[in-house]
All heavy atoms as atom14 arrays in JSON, in Angstrom:
{
  "sequence": "QSMEQSRRRLDKRKRALYILMNNTMRPRFEQT",
  "atom14_mask": [
    [1, 1, 1, 1, 1, 1, 1, 1, 1, 0, 0, 0, 0, 0],
    [1, 1, 1, 1, 1, 1, 0, 0, 0, 0, 0, 0, 0, 0],
    [1, 1, 1, 1, 1, 1, 1, 1, 0, 0, 0, 0, 0, 0],
    [1, 1, 1, 1, 1, 1, 1, 1, 1, 0, 0, 0, 0, 0],
    [1, 1, 1, 1, 1, 1, 1, 1, 1, 0, 0, 0, 0, 0],
    [1, 1, 1, 1, 1, 1, 0, 0, 0, 0, 0, 0, 0, 0],
    [1, 1, 1, 1, 1, 1, 1, 1, 1, 1, 1, 0, 0, 0],
    [1, 1, 1, 1, 1, 1, 1, 1, 1, 1, 1, 0, 0, 0],
    [1, 1, 1, 1, 1, 1, 1, 1, 1, 1, 1, 0, 0, 0],
    [1, 1, 1, 1, 1, 1, 1, 1, 0, 0, 0, 0, 0, 0],
    [1, 1, 1, 1, 1, 1, 1, 1, 0, 0, 0, 0, 0, 0],
    [1, 1, 1, 1, 1, 1, 1, 1, 1, 0, 0, 0, 0, 0],
    [1, 1, 1, 1, 1, 1, 1, 1, 1, 1, 1, 0, 0, 0],
    [1, 1, 1, 1, 1, 1, 1, 1, 1, 0, 0, 0, 0, 0],
    [1, 1, 1, 1, 1, 1, 1, 1, 1, 1, 1, 0, 0, 0],
    [1, 1, 1, 1, 1, 0, 0, 0, 0, 0, 0, 0, 0, 0],
    [1, 1, 1, 1, 1, 1, 1, 1, 0, 0, 0, 0, 0, 0],
    [1, 1, 1, 1, 1, 1, 1, 1, 1, 1, 1, 1, 0, 0],
    [1, 1, 1, 1, 1, 1, 1, 1, 0, 0, 0, 0, 0, 0],
    [1, 1, 1, 1, 1, 1, 1, 1, 0, 0, 0, 0, 0, 0],
    [1, 1, 1, 1, 1, 1, 1, 1, 0, 0, 0, 0, 0, 0],
    [1, 1, 1, 1, 1, 1, 1, 1, 0, 0, 0, 0, 0, 0],
    [1, 1, 1, 1, 1, 1, 1, 1, 0, 0, 0, 0, 0, 0],
    [1, 1, 1, 1, 1, 1, 1, 0, 0, 0, 0, 0, 0, 0],
    [1, 1, 1, 1, 1, 1, 1, 1, 0, 0, 0, 0, 0, 0],
    [1, 1, 1, 1, 1, 1, 1, 1, 1, 1, 1, 0, 0, 0],
    [1, 1, 1, 1, 1, 1, 1, 0, 0, 0, 0, 0, 0, 0],
    [1, 1, 1, 1, 1, 1, 1, 1, 1, 1, 1, 0, 0, 0],
    [1, 1, 1, 1, 1, 1, 1, 1, 1, 1, 1, 0, 0, 0],
    [1, 1, 1, 1, 1, 1, 1, 1, 1, 0, 0, 0, 0, 0],
    [1, 1, 1, 1, 1, 1, 1, 1, 1, 0, 0, 0, 0, 0],
    [1, 1, 1, 1, 1, 1, 1, 0, 0, 0, 0, 0, 0, 0]
  ],
  "atom14_positions": [
    [[41.17, 29.43, 27.57], [40.08, 30.36, 27.13], [40.12, 31.74, 27.71], [39.94, 32.7, 26.95], [38.72, 29.68, 27.4], [37.49, 30.44, 26.93], [36.18, 29.8, 27.25], [36.18, 28.88, 28.16], [35.11, 30.13, 26.56], [0.0, 0.0, 0.0], [0.0, 0.0, 0.0], [0.0, 0.0, 0.0], [0.0, 0.0, 0.0], [0.0, 0.0, 0.0]],
    [[40.41, 31.85, 29.06], [40.47, 33.14, 29.57], [41.67, 33.86, 29.06], [41.56, 35.16, 28.85], [40.56, 33.01, 30.99], [41.74, 32.35, 31.41], [0.0, 0.0, 0.0], [0.0, 0.0, 0.0], [0.0, 0.0, 0.0], [0.0, 0.0, 0.0], [0.0, 0.0, 0.0], [0.0, 0.0, 0.0], [0.0, 0.0, 0.0], [0.0, 0.0, 0.0]],
    [[42.76, 33.26, 28.64], [43.87, 33.86, 28.06], [43.45, 34.35, 26.67], [43.87, 35.55, 26.38], [45.04, 32.89, 28.07], [45.43, 32.22, 29.32], [46.78, 31.06, 28.97], [46.68, 29.9, 30.35], [0.0, 0.0, 0.0], [0.0, 0.0, 0.0], [0.0, 0.0, 0.0], [0.0, 0.0, 0.0], [0.0, 0.0, 0.0], [0.0, 0.0, 0.0]],
    [[42.78, 33.61, 25.97], [42.54, 33.96, 24.68], [41.5, 35.15, 24.7], [41.73, 36.07, 23.82], [41.68, 32.89, 23.93], [42.6, 31.75, 23.4], [43.26, 32.33, 22.12], [42.58, 32.52, 21.06], [44.35, 32.67, 22.26], [0.0, 0.0, 0.0], [0.0, 0.0, 0.0], [0.0, 0.0, 0.0], [0.0, 0.0, 0.0], [0.0, 0.0, 0.0]],
    [[40.69, 35.31, 25.63], [39.75, 36.57, 25.75], [40.62, 37.8, 25.96], [40.33, 38.88, 25.34], [38.72, 36.32, 26.85], [37.7, 35.23, 26.57], [36.89, 34.88, 27.74], [37.22, 35.29, 28.95], [35.77, 34.18, 27.58], [0.0, 0.0, 0.0], [0.0, 0.0, 0.0], [0.0, 0.0, 0.0], [0.0, 0.0, 0.0], [0.0, 0.0, 0.0]],
    [[41.67, 37.75, 26.75], [42.56, 38.9, 27.05], [43.31, 39.12, 25.67], [43.51, 40.29, 25.25], [43.46, 38.59, 28.1], [42.8, 38.25, 29.27], [0.0, 0.0, 0.0], [0.0, 0.0, 0.0], [0.0, 0.0, 0.0], [0.0, 0.0, 0.0], [0.0, 0.0, 0.0], [0.0, 0.0, 0.0], [0.0, 0.0, 0.0], [0.0, 0.0, 0.0]],
    [[43.8, 38.05, 25.15], [44.71, 38.2, 23.81], [43.86, 38.89, 22.69], [44.36, 39.72, 22.13], [45.18, 36.93, 23.44], [46.28, 36.86, 22.43], [45.79, 36.77, 21.15], [44.87, 35.63, 20.87], [44.24, 35.41, 19.75], [44.16, 36.34, 18.76], [43.42, 34.37, 19.57], [0.0, 0.0, 0.0], [0.0, 0.0, 0.0], [0.0, 0.0, 0.0]],
    [[42.61, 38.53, 22.66], [41.77, 39.05, 21.42], [41.44, 40.5, 21.48], [41.22, 41.09, 20.47], [40.51, 38.37, 21.36], [40.66, 36.82, 20.83], [39.34, 36.29, 20.45], [39.43, 34.8, 20.12], [38.95, 33.8, 20.99], [38.36, 34.06, 22.07], [39.16, 32.64, 20.52], [0.0, 0.0, 0.0], [0.0, 0.0, 0.0], [0.0, 0.0, 0.0]],
    [[41.61, 41.06, 22.69], [41.35, 42.66, 22.8], [42.48, 43.31, 21.96], [42.15, 44.38, 21.6], [41.48, 42.94, 24.29], [40.33, 42.53, 25.16], [40.19, 43.33, 26.34], [41.27, 43.13, 27.19], [41.43, 42.28, 28.14], [40.54, 41.51, 28.39], [42.61, 42.23, 28.91], [0.0, 0.0, 0.0], [0.0, 0.0, 0.0], [0.0, 0.0, 0.0]],
    [[43.55, 42.68, 21.84], [44.62, 43.37, 21.14], [45.05, 42.66, 19.75], [45.32, 43.23, 18.74], [45.89, 43.4, 21.92], [45.8, 44.34, 23.29], [47.05, 44.17, 24.08], [45.69, 45.76, 22.91], [0.0, 0.0, 0.0], [0.0, 0.0, 0.0], [0.0, 0.0, 0.0], [0.0, 0.0, 0.0], [0.0, 0.0, 0.0], [0.0, 0.0, 0.0]],
    [[45.02, 41.35, 19.88], [45.57, 40.53, 18.78], [44.36, 39.89, 18.07], [43.72, 38.98, 18.64], [46.52, 39.45, 19.34], [47.17, 38.78, 18.18], [46.82, 38.84, 17.02], [48.02, 37.83, 18.43], [0.0, 0.0, 0.0], [0.0, 0.0, 0.0], [0.0, 0.0, 0.0], [0.0, 0.0, 0.0], [0.0, 0.0, 0.0], [0.0, 0.0, 0.0]],
    [[43.97, 40.3, 16.89], [42.81, 39.71, 16.23], [43.16, 38.59, 15.24], [42.31, 38.1, 14.43], [42.1, 40.8, 15.35], [41.79, 41.99, 16.23], [40.76, 41.79, 17.34], [40.42, 43.02, 18.18], [39.42, 42.66, 19.2], [0.0, 0.0, 0.0], [0.0, 0.0, 0.0], [0.0, 0.0, 0.0], [0.0, 0.0, 0.0], [0.0, 0.0, 0.0]],
    [[44.31, 38.13, 15.37], [44.75, 37.07, 14.27], [44.07, 35.66, 14.53], [43.63, 35.31, 15.6], [46.21, 36.87, 14.29], [47.06, 38.05, 13.86], [48.54, 37.74, 14.07], [48.84, 37.49, 15.58], [49.99, 36.85, 15.88], [50.84, 36.38, 15.02], [50.26, 36.72, 17.19], [0.0, 0.0, 0.0], [0.0, 0.0, 0.0], [0.0, 0.0, 0.0]],
    [[43.84, 34.98, 13.38], [43.27, 33.6, 13.43], [44.44, 32.76, 13.92], [45.62, 32.94, 13.53], [42.84, 33.18, 12.04], [42.24, 31.75, 12.07], [40.95, 31.67, 12.76], [40.33, 30.37, 12.66], [39.03, 30.24, 13.35], [0.0, 0.0, 0.0], [0.0, 0.0, 0.0], [0.0, 0.0, 0.0], [0.0, 0.0, 0.0], [0.0, 0.0, 0.0]],
    [[44.17, 31.85, 14.77], [45.09, 30.82, 15.23], [44.93, 29.42, 14.62], [43.81, 29.04, 14.58], [45.14, 30.76, 16.8], [45.61, 32.03, 17.32], [46.08, 32.04, 18.79], [46.54, 33.2, 19.34], [47.79, 33.79, 19.2], [48.66, 33.08, 18.41], [48.0, 34.97, 19.64], [0.0, 0.0, 0.0], [0.0, 0.0, 0.0], [0.0, 0.0, 0.0]],
    [[46.08, 28.72, 14.49], [46.0, 27.35, 14.0], [46.95, 26.44, 14.76], [48.11, 26.94, 14.93], [46.19, 27.24, 12.51], [0.0, 0.0, 0.0], [0.0, 0.0, 0.0], [0.0, 0.0, 0.0], [0.0, 0.0, 0.0], [0.0, 0.0, 0.0], [0.0, 0.0, 0.0], [0.0, 0.0, 0.0], [0.0, 0.0, 0.0], [0.0, 0.0, 0.0]],
    [[46.64, 25.38, 15.16], [47.51, 24.41, 16.01], [47.79, 23.26, 15.12], [46.96, 22.62, 14.73], [46.85, 23.99, 17.26], [47.67, 22.95, 18.11], [48.93, 23.57, 18.59], [46.93, 22.41, 19.21], [0.0, 0.0, 0.0], [0.0, 0.0, 0.0], [0.0, 0.0, 0.0], [0.0, 0.0, 0.0], [0.0, 0.0, 0.0], [0.0, 0.0, 0.0]],
    [[49.06, 22.99, 14.79], [49.64, 21.91, 14.03], [50.25, 20.89, 15.08], [51.05, 21.27, 15.78], [50.58, 22.25, 13.01], [49.81, 23.09, 11.88], [49.74, 24.3, 12.07], [49.55, 22.52, 10.66], [49.11, 25.2, 10.97], [49.08, 23.39, 9.69], [48.78, 24.64, 9.79], [48.27, 25.43, 8.89], [0.0, 0.0, 0.0], [0.0, 0.0, 0.0]],
    [[49.98, 19.55, 15.06], [50.58, 18.57, 15.8], [51.17, 17.49, 14.9], [50.56, 16.93, 14.0], [49.55, 17.79, 16.77], [48.87, 18.72, 17.64], [50.34, 16.82, 17.64], [47.89, 18.2, 18.61], [0.0, 0.0, 0.0], [0.0, 0.0, 0.0], [0.0, 0.0, 0.0], [0.0, 0.0, 0.0], [0.0, 0.0, 0.0], [0.0, 0.0, 0.0]],
    [[52.46, 17.35, 15.03], [53.25, 16.42, 14.26], [53.72, 15.3, 15.12], [54.52, 15.32, 15.95], [54.52, 17.11, 13.63], [55.24, 16.48, 12.49], [56.26, 17.52, 11.83], [55.92, 15.13, 12.85], [0.0, 0.0, 0.0], [0.0, 0.0, 0.0], [0.0, 0.0, 0.0], [0.0, 0.0, 0.0], [0.0, 0.0, 0.0], [0.0, 0.0, 0.0]],
    [[53.08, 14.1, 14.87], [53.26, 12.84, 15.63], [54.19, 11.96, 14.8], [53.93, 11.48, 13.73], [52.06, 12.16, 15.98], [50.96, 12.94, 16.76], [51.61, 13.39, 18.43], [51.7, 11.76, 19.32], [0.0, 0.0, 0.0], [0.0, 0.0, 0.0], [0.0, 0.0, 0.0], [0.0, 0.0, 0.0], [0.0, 0.0, 0.0], [0.0, 0.0, 0.0]],
    [[55.43, 11.78, 15.34], [56.45, 10.91, 14.71], [56.3, 9.5, 15.0], [57.12, 8.79, 15.44], [57.86, 11.52, 15.03], [58.25, 12.83, 14.49], [58.13, 13.0, 13.33], [58.5, 13.81, 15.43], [0.0, 0.0, 0.0], [0.0, 0.0, 0.0], [0.0, 0.0, 0.0], [0.0, 0.0, 0.0], [0.0, 0.0, 0.0], [0.0, 0.0, 0.0]],
    [[55.03, 8.97, 14.71], [54.75, 7.56, 14.83], [53.32, 7.26, 14.33], [52.7, 8.19, 13.96], [54.96, 7.17, 16.44], [54.42, 8.23, 17.33], [53.27, 8.54, 17.26], [55.26, 8.76, 18.15], [0.0, 0.0, 0.0], [0.0, 0.0, 0.0], [0.0, 0.0, 0.0], [0.0, 0.0, 0.0], [0.0, 0.0, 0.0], [0.0, 0.0, 0.0]],
    [[52.99, 6.03, 14.51], [51.62, 5.77, 13.98], [50.69, 5.78, 15.33], [51.16, 5.74, 16.38], [51.41, 4.23, 13.45], [51.95, 3.41, 14.52], [52.33, 4.05, 12.21], [0.0, 0.0, 0.0], [0.0, 0.0, 0.0], [0.0, 0.0, 0.0], [0.0, 0.0, 0.0], [0.0, 0.0, 0.0], [0.0, 0.0, 0.0], [0.0, 0.0, 0.0]],
    [[49.38, 5.97, 15.07], [48.46, 6.1, 16.13], [47.45, 4.77, 16.15], [46.76, 4.73, 17.05], [47.62, 7.46, 15.95], [48.34, 8.62, 16.11], [48.83, 8.98, 17.82], [50.54, 8.48, 17.8], [0.0, 0.0, 0.0], [0.0, 0.0, 0.0], [0.0, 0.0, 0.0], [0.0, 0.0, 0.0], [0.0, 0.0, 0.0], [0.0, 0.0, 0.0]],
    [[47.59, 3.95, 15.25], [46.84, 2.81, 15.1], [47.23, 1.66, 16.0], [48.35, 1.34, 15.96], [46.67, 2.32, 13.73], [45.64, 1.26, 13.41], [45.62, 0.68, 12.01], [44.83, -0.31, 11.71], [45.07, -1.68, 11.86], [46.22, -1.92, 12.39], [44.03, -2.51, 11.62], [0.0, 0.0, 0.0], [0.0, 0.0, 0.0], [0.0, 0.0, 0.0]],
    [[46.33, 1.1, 16.8], [46.68, -0.16, 17.62], [47.02, -1.25, 16.55], [46.52, -1.3, 15.47], [45.47, -0.5, 18.3], [44.71, 0.83, 18.38], [44.91, 1.58, 17.14], [0.0, 0.0, 0.0], [0.0, 0.0, 0.0], [0.0, 0.0, 0.0], [0.0, 0.0, 0.0], [0.0, 0.0, 0.0], [0.0, 0.0, 0.0], [0.0, 0.0, 0.0]],
    [[47.98, -2.1, 17.01], [48.43, -3.25, 16.05], [48.37, -4.47, 16.91], [48.93, -4.64, 18.02], [49.82, -2.93, 15.59], [50.25, -4.05, 14.71], [51.78, -3.69, 14.07], [52.61, -3.86, 15.23], [53.32, -5.04, 15.5], [53.1, -6.13, 14.89], [54.22, -4.99, 16.44], [0.0, 0.0, 0.0], [0.0, 0.0, 0.0], [0.0, 0.0, 0.0]],
    [[47.72, -5.48, 16.35], [47.49, -6.65, 17.14], [48.93, -7.46, 16.96], [49.58, -7.55, 15.94], [46.5, -7.61, 16.42], [46.35, -8.97, 17.13], [45.66, -9.06, 18.31], [47.09, -10.07, 16.64], [45.58, -10.33, 18.95], [47.03, -11.29, 17.34], [46.33, -11.42, 18.44], [0.0, 0.0, 0.0], [0.0, 0.0, 0.0], [0.0, 0.0, 0.0]],
    [[49.26, -7.96, 18.1], [50.42, -8.71, 18.27], [50.31, -9.61, 19.5], [50.27, -9.07, 20.53], [51.76, -7.83, 18.26], [53.04, -8.69, 18.45], [54.25, -7.62, 18.64], [54.5, -6.92, 17.66], [54.86, -7.72, 19.65], [0.0, 0.0, 0.0], [0.0, 0.0, 0.0], [0.0, 0.0, 0.0], [0.0, 0.0, 0.0], [0.0, 0.0, 0.0]],
    [[50.36, -11.09, 19.28], [50.12, -11.9, 20.5], [51.24, -11.66, 21.44], [52.41, -11.84, 21.03], [49.92, -13.39, 20.0], [49.56, -14.25, 21.12], [49.32, -15.6, 20.73], [49.21, -15.84, 19.53], [49.07, -16.49, 21.61], [0.0, 0.0, 0.0], [0.0, 0.0, 0.0], [0.0, 0.0, 0.0], [0.0, 0.0, 0.0], [0.0, 0.0, 0.0]],
    [[50.99, -11.36, 22.73], [51.96, -11.21, 23.75], [52.39, -12.51, 24.23], [51.65, -13.37, 24.58], [51.41, -10.34, 24.81], [50.94, -9.07, 24.27], [52.49, -10.0, 25.71], [0.0, 0.0, 0.0], [0.0, 0.0, 0.0], [0.0, 0.0, 0.0], [0.0, 0.0, 0.0], [0.0, 0.0, 0.0], [0.0, 0.0, 0.0], [0.0, 0.0, 0.0]]
  ]
}
């Protein structure tokens, strides 16, 4: 946040963060 405040004084661009997870996120039942 503090970095962003400094950055915005000069750089007015909108930012977007993309996360690419190379797997599933869902728990899967499997009797251990």
